[in-house]
């Protein structure tokens, strides 16, 4: 599958589309996860649905990408280095409180779930992510994102 890179100071963000299924209504999803295998599984499932998927393995690059090309939803791993998912969520909330961020992690930790929910996370998925839960949560988050997006973001569509 062809890909392109959104240039940032770090390694960049890989951009993927589906095979001819991308339309003006296709959702833009950003996956932020330093586990390449995990992010590839998520990407494949979302591309199969016709979504445009960008992928970053670094929180700092993801923050730059969000400012350059606002996605409809972000899937954000909690445990990353050097910039962890909780801090990335905090920074996203400071600049774009309406952007749905779904936290993804291997740790089913009630304290983390509560902390990220209080910070404004849209939802929480535990790895390995069940495909039907991923699809449902992303679809709901995209609907919310498009309903509550800032007017300048809506004008980009």
N, C-alpha and C. Protein backbone atom coordinates (compact mmCIF):
# COMPACT_ATOMS: atom_id res chain seq x y z
N UNK A 1 0.85 -1.17 0.00
CA UNK A 1 0.00 0.00 0.00
C UNK A 1 0.89 1.23 0.00
N UNK A 2 0.62 2.20 -0.87
CA UNK A 2 1.43 3.41 -0.88
C UNK A 2 1.20 4.22 0.38
N UNK A 3 2.26 4.91 0.79
CA UNK A 3 2.11 5.78 1.95
C UNK A 3 2.89 7.05 1.70
N UNK A 4 2.60 8.06 2.48
CA UNK A 4 3.33 9.31 2.42
C UNK A 4 3.67 9.69 3.84
N UNK A 5 4.55 10.67 4.00
CA UNK A 5 4.93 11.11 5.34
C UNK A 5 4.55 12.56 5.53
N UNK A 6 3.97 12.86 6.67
CA UNK A 6 3.77 14.23 7.10
C UNK A 6 5.06 14.59 7.82
N UNK A 7 5.79 15.54 7.31
CA UNK A 7 7.11 15.85 7.86
C UNK A 7 7.00 16.61 9.18
N UNK A 8 7.66 16.09 10.18
CA UNK A 8 7.78 16.73 11.48
C UNK A 8 9.23 16.66 11.89
N UNK A 9 9.58 17.13 13.07
CA UNK A 9 10.97 17.13 13.50
C UNK A 9 11.48 15.73 13.82
N UNK A 10 10.64 14.84 14.22
CA UNK A 10 11.05 13.49 14.58
C UNK A 10 11.04 12.58 13.36
N UNK A 11 10.55 11.37 13.54
CA UNK A 11 10.51 10.40 12.46
C UNK A 11 9.39 10.65 11.47
N UNK A 12 8.42 11.45 11.84
CA UNK A 12 7.31 11.72 10.94
C UNK A 12 6.09 10.88 11.25
N UNK A 13 5.08 11.09 10.46
CA UNK A 13 3.82 10.40 10.62
C UNK A 13 3.50 9.74 9.30
N UNK A 14 3.30 8.42 9.31
CA UNK A 14 2.96 7.72 8.08
C UNK A 14 1.48 7.90 7.78
N UNK A 15 1.18 8.18 6.52
CA UNK A 15 -0.20 8.38 6.11
C UNK A 15 -0.61 7.25 5.17
N UNK A 16 -1.75 6.64 5.42
CA UNK A 16 -2.25 5.55 4.61
C UNK A 16 -3.70 5.81 4.24
N UNK A 17 -4.09 5.41 3.06
CA UNK A 17 -5.49 5.46 2.66
C UNK A 17 -5.93 4.07 2.27
N UNK A 18 -7.17 3.91 1.96
CA UNK A 18 -7.65 2.60 1.55
C UNK A 18 -7.56 2.47 0.04
N UNK A 19 -7.83 1.31 -0.45
CA UNK A 19 -7.76 1.03 -1.88
C UNK A 19 -8.99 1.55 -2.60
N UNK A 20 -8.99 2.83 -2.94
CA UNK A 20 -10.07 3.39 -3.74
C UNK A 20 -11.34 3.68 -2.98
N UNK A 21 -11.41 3.35 -1.68
CA UNK A 21 -12.64 3.56 -0.92
C UNK A 21 -12.70 4.92 -0.24
N UNK A 22 -11.67 5.73 -0.39
CA UNK A 22 -11.63 7.01 0.30
C UNK A 22 -12.55 8.00 -0.41
N UNK A 23 -13.41 8.64 0.37
CA UNK A 23 -14.33 9.64 -0.16
C UNK A 23 -14.20 10.90 0.69
N UNK A 24 -14.90 11.93 0.31
CA UNK A 24 -14.89 13.16 1.10
C UNK A 24 -15.43 12.92 2.51
N UNK A 25 -16.26 11.88 2.67
CA UNK A 25 -16.82 11.56 3.98
C UNK A 25 -15.97 10.59 4.78
N UNK A 26 -14.87 10.08 4.20
CA UNK A 26 -13.99 9.16 4.92
C UNK A 26 -13.43 9.84 6.15
N UNK A 27 -13.40 9.10 7.23
CA UNK A 27 -12.87 9.65 8.47
C UNK A 27 -11.35 9.65 8.44
N UNK A 28 -10.76 10.69 9.05
CA UNK A 28 -9.32 10.76 9.22
C UNK A 28 -9.00 10.32 10.64
N UNK A 29 -8.21 9.25 10.75
CA UNK A 29 -7.87 8.68 12.04
C UNK A 29 -6.36 8.75 12.22
N UNK A 30 -5.91 9.18 13.38
CA UNK A 30 -4.49 9.18 13.72
C UNK A 30 -4.26 8.15 14.82
N UNK A 31 -3.37 7.18 14.53
CA UNK A 31 -2.97 6.18 15.52
C UNK A 31 -1.61 6.59 16.06
N UNK A 32 -1.52 6.71 17.38
CA UNK A 32 -0.26 7.07 18.03
C UNK A 32 0.11 5.92 18.96
N UNK A 33 1.12 5.14 18.54
CA UNK A 33 1.51 3.94 19.28
C UNK A 33 2.93 3.59 18.90
N UNK A 34 3.78 3.35 19.89
CA UNK A 34 5.16 2.97 19.60
C UNK A 34 5.31 1.48 19.33
N UNK A 35 4.23 0.72 19.45
CA UNK A 35 4.22 -0.70 19.13
C UNK A 35 3.75 -0.86 17.69
N UNK A 36 4.69 -1.10 16.79
CA UNK A 36 4.39 -1.14 15.35
C UNK A 36 3.37 -2.23 15.02
N UNK A 37 3.52 -3.39 15.62
CA UNK A 37 2.60 -4.50 15.34
C UNK A 37 1.17 -4.14 15.75
N UNK A 38 1.03 -3.57 16.92
CA UNK A 38 -0.29 -3.18 17.41
C UNK A 38 -0.92 -2.11 16.52
N UNK A 39 -0.14 -1.10 16.15
CA UNK A 39 -0.69 -0.03 15.32
C UNK A 39 -1.03 -0.53 13.92
N UNK A 40 -0.30 -1.52 13.42
CA UNK A 40 -0.60 -2.08 12.10
C UNK A 40 -1.93 -2.83 12.12
N UNK A 41 -2.21 -3.54 13.20
CA UNK A 41 -3.49 -4.25 13.32
C UNK A 41 -4.64 -3.25 13.32
N UNK A 42 -4.50 -2.18 14.10
CA UNK A 42 -5.54 -1.14 14.15
C UNK A 42 -5.70 -0.49 12.78
N UNK A 43 -4.57 -0.16 12.14
CA UNK A 43 -4.59 0.50 10.84
C UNK A 43 -5.32 -0.35 9.80
N UNK A 44 -4.98 -1.63 9.74
CA UNK A 44 -5.58 -2.52 8.75
C UNK A 44 -7.10 -2.58 8.91
N UNK A 45 -7.56 -2.67 10.14
CA UNK A 45 -9.00 -2.73 10.39
C UNK A 45 -9.70 -1.45 9.96
N UNK A 46 -9.10 -0.31 10.26
CA UNK A 46 -9.73 0.98 9.93
C UNK A 46 -9.65 1.29 8.44
N UNK A 47 -8.55 0.94 7.79
CA UNK A 47 -8.44 1.14 6.34
C UNK A 47 -9.47 0.28 5.61
N UNK A 48 -9.71 -0.92 6.10
CA UNK A 48 -10.70 -1.80 5.49
C UNK A 48 -12.10 -1.18 5.51
N UNK A 49 -12.33 -0.29 6.48
CA UNK A 49 -13.61 0.41 6.56
C UNK A 49 -13.66 1.66 5.69
N UNK A 50 -12.54 1.99 5.03
CA UNK A 50 -12.51 3.16 4.16
C UNK A 50 -11.98 4.41 4.82
N UNK A 51 -11.46 4.29 6.04
CA UNK A 51 -10.90 5.45 6.72
C UNK A 51 -9.51 5.78 6.19
N UNK A 52 -9.15 7.04 6.28
CA UNK A 52 -7.80 7.49 5.99
C UNK A 52 -7.05 7.45 7.31
N UNK A 53 -5.95 6.69 7.36
CA UNK A 53 -5.27 6.46 8.62
C UNK A 53 -3.84 6.99 8.56
N UNK A 54 -3.49 7.82 9.51
CA UNK A 54 -2.12 8.28 9.72
C UNK A 54 -1.62 7.59 10.97
N UNK A 55 -0.31 7.38 11.02
CA UNK A 55 0.25 6.63 12.15
C UNK A 55 1.54 7.30 12.61
N UNK A 56 1.68 7.43 13.91
CA UNK A 56 2.89 7.99 14.50
C UNK A 56 3.33 7.12 15.67
N UNK A 57 4.64 6.97 15.83
CA UNK A 57 5.15 6.21 16.96
C UNK A 57 5.68 7.11 18.07
N UNK A 58 5.56 8.42 17.89
CA UNK A 58 6.05 9.39 18.87
C UNK A 58 4.98 10.42 19.18
N UNK A 59 4.78 10.69 20.46
CA UNK A 59 3.78 11.67 20.88
C UNK A 59 4.04 13.06 20.35
N UNK A 60 5.30 13.49 20.34
CA UNK A 60 5.62 14.85 19.87
C UNK A 60 5.27 15.01 18.39
N UNK A 61 5.59 14.00 17.58
CA UNK A 61 5.24 14.06 16.16
C UNK A 61 3.73 14.08 15.97
N UNK A 62 3.03 13.33 16.79
CA UNK A 62 1.57 13.30 16.69
C UNK A 62 0.97 14.67 16.99
N UNK A 63 1.51 15.36 17.97
CA UNK A 63 1.00 16.70 18.30
C UNK A 63 1.19 17.67 17.14
N UNK A 64 2.32 17.58 16.46
CA UNK A 64 2.55 18.42 15.27
C UNK A 64 1.56 18.04 14.18
N UNK A 65 1.39 16.75 13.93
CA UNK A 65 0.48 16.29 12.88
C UNK A 65 -0.95 16.74 13.14
N UNK A 66 -1.38 16.72 14.40
CA UNK A 66 -2.73 17.14 14.75
C UNK A 66 -2.93 18.62 14.42
N UNK A 67 -1.91 19.42 14.64
CA UNK A 67 -2.02 20.85 14.30
C UNK A 67 -2.04 21.06 12.80
N UNK A 68 -1.30 20.24 12.05
CA UNK A 68 -1.22 20.42 10.60
C UNK A 68 -2.46 19.91 9.88
N UNK A 69 -2.91 18.72 10.25
CA UNK A 69 -4.06 18.09 9.59
C UNK A 69 -4.91 17.44 10.68
N UNK A 70 -5.90 18.18 11.17
CA UNK A 70 -6.70 17.69 12.29
C UNK A 70 -7.45 16.41 11.89
N UNK A 71 -7.22 15.33 12.64
CA UNK A 71 -7.97 14.11 12.36
C UNK A 71 -9.38 14.20 12.96
N UNK A 72 -10.23 13.26 12.58
CA UNK A 72 -11.55 13.18 13.19
C UNK A 72 -11.47 12.51 14.56
N UNK A 73 -10.50 11.62 14.72
CA UNK A 73 -10.32 10.90 15.98
C UNK A 73 -8.86 10.47 16.10
N UNK A 74 -8.40 10.39 17.36
CA UNK A 74 -7.05 9.92 17.66
C UNK A 74 -7.15 8.66 18.51
N UNK A 75 -6.40 7.63 18.13
CA UNK A 75 -6.22 6.44 18.96
C UNK A 75 -4.85 6.58 19.59
N UNK A 76 -4.78 6.69 20.91
CA UNK A 76 -3.55 7.06 21.61
C UNK A 76 -3.14 6.01 22.63
N UNK A 77 -1.96 5.42 22.42
CA UNK A 77 -1.41 4.47 23.39
C UNK A 77 -1.02 5.22 24.66
N UNK A 78 -1.25 4.64 25.80
CA UNK A 78 -0.94 5.31 27.05
C UNK A 78 0.55 5.22 27.38
N UNK A 79 1.14 4.04 27.21
CA UNK A 79 2.52 3.83 27.63
C UNK A 79 3.47 3.95 26.44
N UNK A 80 4.03 5.15 26.28
CA UNK A 80 5.02 5.42 25.24
C UNK A 80 6.16 6.22 25.86
N UNK A 81 7.28 6.23 25.18
CA UNK A 81 8.43 7.02 25.60
C UNK A 81 8.91 7.83 24.42
N UNK A 82 9.46 8.98 24.58
CA UNK A 82 9.67 9.66 25.84
C UNK A 82 8.44 10.43 26.33
N UNK A 83 7.51 10.71 25.45
CA UNK A 83 6.31 11.48 25.82
C UNK A 83 5.14 10.51 25.92
N UNK A 84 4.66 10.27 27.12
CA UNK A 84 3.61 9.30 27.35
C UNK A 84 2.25 9.76 26.88
N UNK A 85 1.35 8.81 26.75
CA UNK A 85 0.01 9.10 26.25
C UNK A 85 -0.80 10.04 27.12
N UNK A 86 -0.62 9.97 28.44
CA UNK A 86 -1.36 10.86 29.33
C UNK A 86 -0.94 12.31 29.08
N UNK A 87 0.37 12.54 28.92
CA UNK A 87 0.85 13.89 28.64
C UNK A 87 0.41 14.36 27.25
N UNK A 88 0.42 13.46 26.27
CA UNK A 88 -0.05 13.82 24.93
C UNK A 88 -1.53 14.21 25.00
N UNK A 89 -2.33 13.45 25.73
CA UNK A 89 -3.75 13.78 25.90
C UNK A 89 -3.90 15.16 26.54
N UNK A 90 -3.12 15.43 27.58
CA UNK A 90 -3.17 16.73 28.25
C UNK A 90 -2.91 17.86 27.25
N UNK A 91 -1.91 17.68 26.39
CA UNK A 91 -1.56 18.72 25.42
C UNK A 91 -2.62 18.85 24.32
N UNK A 92 -3.21 17.74 23.91
CA UNK A 92 -4.29 17.81 22.92
C UNK A 92 -5.46 18.59 23.50
N UNK A 93 -5.83 18.28 24.74
CA UNK A 93 -6.95 18.96 25.39
C UNK A 93 -6.71 20.47 25.50
N UNK A 94 -5.46 20.87 25.68
CA UNK A 94 -5.13 22.29 25.81
C UNK A 94 -5.33 23.04 24.51
N UNK A 95 -5.18 22.36 23.38
CA UNK A 95 -5.29 23.03 22.09
C UNK A 95 -6.58 22.72 21.34
N UNK A 96 -7.18 21.56 21.60
CA UNK A 96 -8.39 21.15 20.87
C UNK A 96 -9.27 20.29 21.78
N UNK A 97 -10.06 20.92 22.63
CA UNK A 97 -10.87 20.16 23.58
C UNK A 97 -11.96 19.30 22.95
N UNK A 98 -12.31 19.55 21.69
CA UNK A 98 -13.40 18.79 21.07
C UNK A 98 -12.91 17.56 20.29
N UNK A 99 -11.60 17.40 20.12
CA UNK A 99 -11.08 16.27 19.36
C UNK A 99 -11.21 14.98 20.17
N UNK A 100 -11.98 13.99 19.68
CA UNK A 100 -12.11 12.73 20.41
C UNK A 100 -10.79 11.95 20.42
N UNK A 101 -10.37 11.58 21.63
CA UNK A 101 -9.15 10.79 21.80
C UNK A 101 -9.54 9.51 22.51
N UNK A 102 -9.27 8.38 21.85
CA UNK A 102 -9.54 7.07 22.42
C UNK A 102 -8.22 6.50 22.92
N UNK A 103 -8.15 6.23 24.20
CA UNK A 103 -6.93 5.70 24.81
C UNK A 103 -6.87 4.19 24.54
N UNK A 104 -5.68 3.72 24.19
CA UNK A 104 -5.46 2.31 23.89
C UNK A 104 -4.27 1.84 24.70
N UNK A 105 -4.43 0.71 25.41
CA UNK A 105 -3.31 0.22 26.21
C UNK A 105 -3.47 -1.26 26.52
N UNK A 106 -2.35 -1.88 26.86
CA UNK A 106 -2.36 -3.29 27.27
C UNK A 106 -2.72 -3.41 28.74
N UNK A 107 -2.63 -2.32 29.48
CA UNK A 107 -2.90 -2.34 30.92
C UNK A 107 -4.33 -1.93 31.20
N UNK A 108 -5.12 -2.86 31.71
CA UNK A 108 -6.50 -2.57 32.07
C UNK A 108 -6.49 -2.02 33.50
N UNK A 109 -6.07 -0.77 33.63
CA UNK A 109 -5.82 -0.13 34.92
C UNK A 109 -6.95 0.85 35.25
N UNK A 110 -7.78 0.54 36.26
CA UNK A 110 -8.90 1.42 36.59
C UNK A 110 -8.49 2.84 36.96
N UNK A 111 -7.31 3.00 37.59
CA UNK A 111 -6.85 4.34 37.96
C UNK A 111 -6.54 5.14 36.70
N UNK A 112 -5.85 4.52 35.72
CA UNK A 112 -5.56 5.20 34.45
C UNK A 112 -6.83 5.51 33.68
N UNK A 113 -7.76 4.58 33.69
CA UNK A 113 -9.04 4.81 32.99
C UNK A 113 -9.72 6.05 33.58
N UNK A 114 -9.80 6.12 34.90
CA UNK A 114 -10.44 7.25 35.56
C UNK A 114 -9.67 8.55 35.27
N UNK A 115 -8.34 8.50 35.37
CA UNK A 115 -7.53 9.69 35.13
C UNK A 115 -7.72 10.23 33.72
N UNK A 116 -7.67 9.34 32.72
CA UNK A 116 -7.80 9.81 31.34
C UNK A 116 -9.23 10.25 31.03
N UNK A 117 -10.21 9.61 31.62
CA UNK A 117 -11.61 10.06 31.44
C UNK A 117 -11.80 11.45 32.02
N UNK A 118 -11.23 11.69 33.20
CA UNK A 118 -11.34 13.01 33.82
C UNK A 118 -10.63 14.08 32.99
N UNK A 119 -9.63 13.69 32.23
CA UNK A 119 -8.91 14.62 31.36
C UNK A 119 -9.63 14.83 30.03
N UNK A 120 -10.69 14.07 29.79
CA UNK A 120 -11.47 14.27 28.58
C UNK A 120 -11.29 13.22 27.50
N UNK A 121 -10.70 12.07 27.84
CA UNK A 121 -10.59 11.00 26.85
C UNK A 121 -12.01 10.55 26.46
N UNK A 122 -12.19 10.29 25.17
CA UNK A 122 -13.50 9.87 24.68
C UNK A 122 -13.82 8.44 25.14
N UNK A 123 -12.82 7.58 25.09
CA UNK A 123 -13.04 6.18 25.44
C UNK A 123 -11.73 5.49 25.73
N UNK A 124 -11.82 4.18 25.96
CA UNK A 124 -10.67 3.40 26.40
C UNK A 124 -10.80 2.02 25.80
N UNK A 125 -9.77 1.56 25.09
CA UNK A 125 -9.74 0.22 24.52
C UNK A 125 -8.52 -0.53 25.06
N UNK A 126 -8.72 -1.80 25.44
CA UNK A 126 -7.65 -2.62 25.98
C UNK A 126 -7.14 -3.56 24.89
N UNK A 127 -5.80 -3.62 24.75
CA UNK A 127 -5.16 -4.51 23.77
C UNK A 127 -5.20 -5.94 24.32
N UNK A 128 -5.37 -6.93 23.48
CA UNK A 128 -5.67 -6.79 22.05
C UNK A 128 -7.09 -6.26 21.86
N UNK A 129 -7.20 -5.28 21.00
CA UNK A 129 -8.48 -4.61 20.78
C UNK A 129 -9.41 -5.49 19.96
N UNK A 130 -10.62 -5.67 20.47
CA UNK A 130 -11.63 -6.43 19.73
C UNK A 130 -12.12 -5.57 18.58
N UNK A 131 -12.13 -6.16 17.38
CA UNK A 131 -12.45 -5.42 16.16
C UNK A 131 -13.81 -4.73 16.23
N UNK A 132 -14.83 -5.41 16.72
CA UNK A 132 -16.17 -4.81 16.77
C UNK A 132 -16.20 -3.60 17.72
N UNK A 133 -15.44 -3.67 18.82
CA UNK A 133 -15.39 -2.52 19.75
C UNK A 133 -14.66 -1.34 19.11
N UNK A 134 -13.56 -1.64 18.40
CA UNK A 134 -12.81 -0.59 17.71
C UNK A 134 -13.69 0.11 16.69
N UNK A 135 -14.35 -0.65 15.86
CA UNK A 135 -15.20 -0.08 14.82
C UNK A 135 -16.32 0.77 15.39
N UNK A 136 -16.98 0.25 16.42
CA UNK A 136 -18.10 0.98 17.03
C UNK A 136 -17.62 2.28 17.68
N UNK A 137 -16.55 2.20 18.47
CA UNK A 137 -16.08 3.38 19.18
C UNK A 137 -15.56 4.45 18.21
N UNK A 138 -14.84 4.03 17.17
CA UNK A 138 -14.34 5.00 16.18
C UNK A 138 -15.51 5.65 15.46
N UNK A 139 -16.51 4.86 15.05
CA UNK A 139 -17.67 5.43 14.35
C UNK A 139 -18.39 6.46 15.22
N UNK A 140 -18.58 6.15 16.51
CA UNK A 140 -19.25 7.08 17.41
C UNK A 140 -18.41 8.34 17.62
N UNK A 141 -17.10 8.16 17.74
CA UNK A 141 -16.20 9.31 17.96
C UNK A 141 -16.16 10.21 16.73
N UNK A 142 -16.17 9.62 15.54
CA UNK A 142 -16.16 10.42 14.31
C UNK A 142 -17.44 11.24 14.22
N UNK A 143 -18.57 10.63 14.52
CA UNK A 143 -19.85 11.36 14.51
C UNK A 143 -19.78 12.55 15.47
N UNK A 144 -19.28 12.31 16.66
CA UNK A 144 -19.15 13.39 17.65
C UNK A 144 -18.19 14.46 17.17
N UNK A 145 -17.07 14.05 16.63
CA UNK A 145 -16.04 14.99 16.15
C UNK A 145 -16.61 15.92 15.10
N UNK A 146 -17.36 15.38 14.18
CA UNK A 146 -17.90 16.19 13.09
C UNK A 146 -19.05 17.08 13.58
N UNK A 147 -19.74 16.66 14.58
CA UNK A 147 -20.84 17.46 15.12
C UNK A 147 -20.33 18.64 15.92
N UNK A 148 -19.23 18.45 16.66
CA UNK A 148 -18.76 19.49 17.58
C UNK A 148 -17.47 20.15 17.15
N UNK A 149 -16.99 19.89 15.94
CA UNK A 149 -15.73 20.48 15.48
C UNK A 149 -15.85 22.00 15.39
N UNK A 150 -14.75 22.64 15.66
CA UNK A 150 -14.66 24.10 15.54
C UNK A 150 -15.03 24.50 14.11
N UNK A 151 -15.70 25.62 13.86
CA UNK A 151 -16.10 26.04 12.52
C UNK A 151 -14.95 26.08 11.52
N UNK A 152 -13.76 26.46 11.94
CA UNK A 152 -12.61 26.49 11.03
C UNK A 152 -12.26 25.09 10.55
N UNK A 153 -12.44 24.09 11.43
CA UNK A 153 -12.18 22.71 11.06
C UNK A 153 -13.24 22.23 10.07
N UNK A 154 -14.49 22.57 10.31
CA UNK A 154 -15.56 22.17 9.41
C UNK A 154 -15.35 22.76 8.02
N UNK A 155 -14.80 23.96 7.93
CA UNK A 155 -14.55 24.60 6.64
C UNK A 155 -13.49 23.85 5.85
N UNK A 156 -12.61 23.09 6.52
CA UNK A 156 -11.56 22.33 5.84
C UNK A 156 -12.15 21.14 5.12
N UNK A 157 -13.31 20.68 5.50
CA UNK A 157 -13.87 19.45 4.94
C UNK A 157 -14.44 19.68 3.55
